[in-house]
Amino acid sequence: MSNPDDKGQVELPAETDGESTKVRLDGKYLGEALRACGGMADLKVVNGYSPVMFSSNGYSLVVMPMVTEDATRQAEADRKAKAEKETEAEKAEAVAEAEKITKAEKPKRKKSKAKEPVAV
């Protein structure tokens, strides 16, 4: 975490359930959030561009992160990945529908009787 003027920077070690990420918060808002939560708080971060939630003793506070180049790149990469997943899901759905149609019971044709020779 650092301020916009790069006058200060803090790295907070934390136990995480997923990938680590960088989040840039305004120092003023960070201080206010920690004071409001009583100094110690659970910090919930999804990614570098989504709101950060501070919670303590049933009290929750949301702080928006600052826009950075890293956060912008991460947001764009996430949008592309989501679009690709949606495209793959649409393709899989189309294939499943096509297979369903081709496997559907085809109309039965009448069995033709043996052709008898015709005198000409």
Protein backbone atom coordinates (compact mmCIF):
# COMPACT_ATOMS: atom_id res chain seq x y z
CA MET A 1 0.00 0.00 0.00
CA SER A 2 1.32 3.43 -0.79
CA ASN A 3 0.06 6.96 -1.09
CA PRO A 4 -0.40 8.68 -4.47
CA ASP A 5 2.75 10.79 -4.02
CA ASP A 6 4.89 7.71 -3.27
CA LYS A 7 5.97 9.36 0.00
CA GLY A 8 5.19 6.21 1.93
CA GLN A 9 4.60 2.58 1.29
CA VAL A 10 3.54 -0.28 3.52
CA GLU A 11 3.52 -4.00 2.89
CA LEU A 12 1.15 -5.95 5.08
CA PRO A 13 1.82 -9.66 5.51
CA ALA A 14 -1.42 -11.60 5.51
CA GLU A 15 -2.81 -15.10 5.38
CA THR A 16 -4.63 -15.54 2.10
CA ASP A 17 -6.99 -18.07 0.59
CA GLY A 18 -5.93 -17.37 -2.98
CA GLU A 19 -3.42 -15.47 -5.05
CA SER A 20 -1.70 -12.44 -3.62
CA THR A 21 -2.51 -9.10 -5.19
CA LYS A 22 -1.52 -5.47 -4.89
CA VAL A 23 -4.12 -2.97 -3.74
CA ARG A 24 -3.48 0.75 -3.61
CA LEU A 25 -5.47 2.62 -0.96
CA ASP A 26 -5.37 6.28 -0.02
CA GLY A 27 -3.60 6.47 3.36
CA LYS A 28 -6.27 8.79 4.75
CA TYR A 29 -9.06 6.32 3.93
CA LEU A 30 -7.01 3.39 5.24
CA GLY A 31 -6.45 5.20 8.55
CA GLU A 32 -10.13 6.11 8.84
CA ALA A 33 -11.18 2.54 8.09
CA LEU A 34 -8.84 1.11 10.73
CA ARG A 35 -9.95 3.68 13.33
CA ALA A 36 -13.61 2.94 12.60
CA CYS A 37 -12.98 -0.79 13.02
CA GLY A 38 -11.10 -0.28 16.29
CA GLY A 39 -7.58 -0.74 14.93
CA MET A 40 -7.78 -4.46 14.11
CA ALA A 41 -9.90 -5.66 11.24
CA ASP A 42 -10.36 -8.50 8.80
CA LEU A 43 -9.45 -7.29 5.35
CA LYS A 44 -11.27 -8.90 2.41
CA VAL A 45 -9.73 -8.33 -1.00
CA VAL A 46 -10.95 -9.88 -4.25
CA ASN A 47 -8.49 -8.24 -6.63
CA GLY A 48 -6.58 -5.00 -7.12
CA TYR A 49 -9.49 -3.07 -8.62
CA SER A 50 -12.54 -4.13 -6.58
CA PRO A 51 -13.74 -2.57 -3.31
CA VAL A 52 -11.88 -3.68 -0.18
CA MET A 53 -13.97 -4.63 2.86
CA PHE A 54 -12.78 -4.05 6.41
CA SER A 55 -14.78 -5.84 9.10
CA SER A 56 -14.50 -6.09 12.86
CA ASN A 57 -17.00 -7.02 15.59
CA GLY A 58 -19.98 -7.03 13.21
CA TYR A 59 -19.02 -3.68 11.70
CA SER A 60 -18.16 -3.53 7.98
CA LEU A 61 -16.68 -0.74 5.93
CA VAL A 62 -15.96 -0.68 2.19
CA VAL A 63 -13.07 1.32 0.70
CA MET A 64 -12.50 1.75 -3.03
CA PRO A 65 -8.91 1.19 -4.17
CA MET A 66 -7.04 3.71 -6.27
CA VAL A 67 -6.62 3.06 -9.98
CA THR A 68 -3.15 1.87 -10.92
CA GLU A 69 -1.62 0.47 -14.09
CA ASP A 70 -1.37 -2.97 -12.45
CA ALA A 71 -5.03 -2.89 -11.42
CA THR A 72 -6.08 -1.75 -14.90
CA ARG A 73 -4.09 -4.57 -16.52
CA GLN A 74 -5.56 -7.08 -14.09
CA ALA A 75 -9.11 -5.85 -14.79
CA GLU A 76 -8.56 -6.13 -18.55
CA ALA A 77 -7.07 -9.63 -18.22
CA ASP A 78 -10.02 -10.69 -16.05
CA ARG A 79 -12.51 -9.31 -18.61
CA LYS A 80 -10.78 -11.20 -21.43
CA ALA A 81 -10.69 -14.42 -19.42
CA LYS A 82 -14.38 -14.08 -18.58
CA ALA A 83 -15.25 -13.44 -22.25
CA GLU A 84 -13.25 -16.51 -23.31
CA LYS A 85 -15.01 -18.67 -20.71
CA GLU A 86 -18.38 -17.41 -21.89
CA THR A 87 -17.44 -18.11 -25.51
CA GLU A 88 -16.29 -21.62 -24.60
CA ALA A 89 -19.51 -22.21 -22.66
CA GLU A 90 -21.58 -21.03 -25.65
CA LYS A 91 -19.63 -23.36 -27.96
CA ALA A 92 -20.11 -26.29 -25.57
CA GLU A 93 -23.82 -25.53 -25.35
CA ALA A 94 -24.12 -25.39 -29.16
CA VAL A 95 -22.27 -28.71 -29.52
CA ALA A 96 -24.48 -30.33 -26.89
CA GLU A 97 -27.60 -29.06 -28.65
CA ALA A 98 -26.33 -30.34 -32.02
CA GLU A 99 -25.56 -33.74 -30.52
CA LYS A 100 -29.00 -33.84 -28.95
CA ILE A 101 -30.61 -33.10 -32.31
CA THR A 102 -28.56 -35.70 -34.19
CA LYS A 103 -29.22 -38.33 -31.54
CA ALA A 104 -32.93 -37.63 -31.52
CA GLU A 105 -35.04 -40.42 -32.86
CA LYS A 106 -35.17 -40.12 -36.61
CA PRO A 107 -38.51 -40.73 -38.31
CA LYS A 108 -38.87 -44.35 -39.30
CA ARG A 109 -39.27 -45.08 -42.96
CA LYS A 110 -41.80 -47.55 -44.14
CA LYS A 111 -40.24 -50.77 -45.12
CA SER A 112 -40.67 -51.23 -48.81
CA LYS A 113 -41.97 -54.49 -50.05
CA ALA A 114 -39.72 -56.48 -52.28
CA LYS A 115 -39.96 -55.11 -55.75
CA GLU A 116 -41.70 -57.42 -58.11
CA PRO A 117 -40.50 -57.71 -61.67
CA VAL A 118 -42.66 -55.74 -64.06
CA ALA A 119 -43.40 -57.07 -67.54
CA VAL A 120 -42.68 -54.60 -70.25
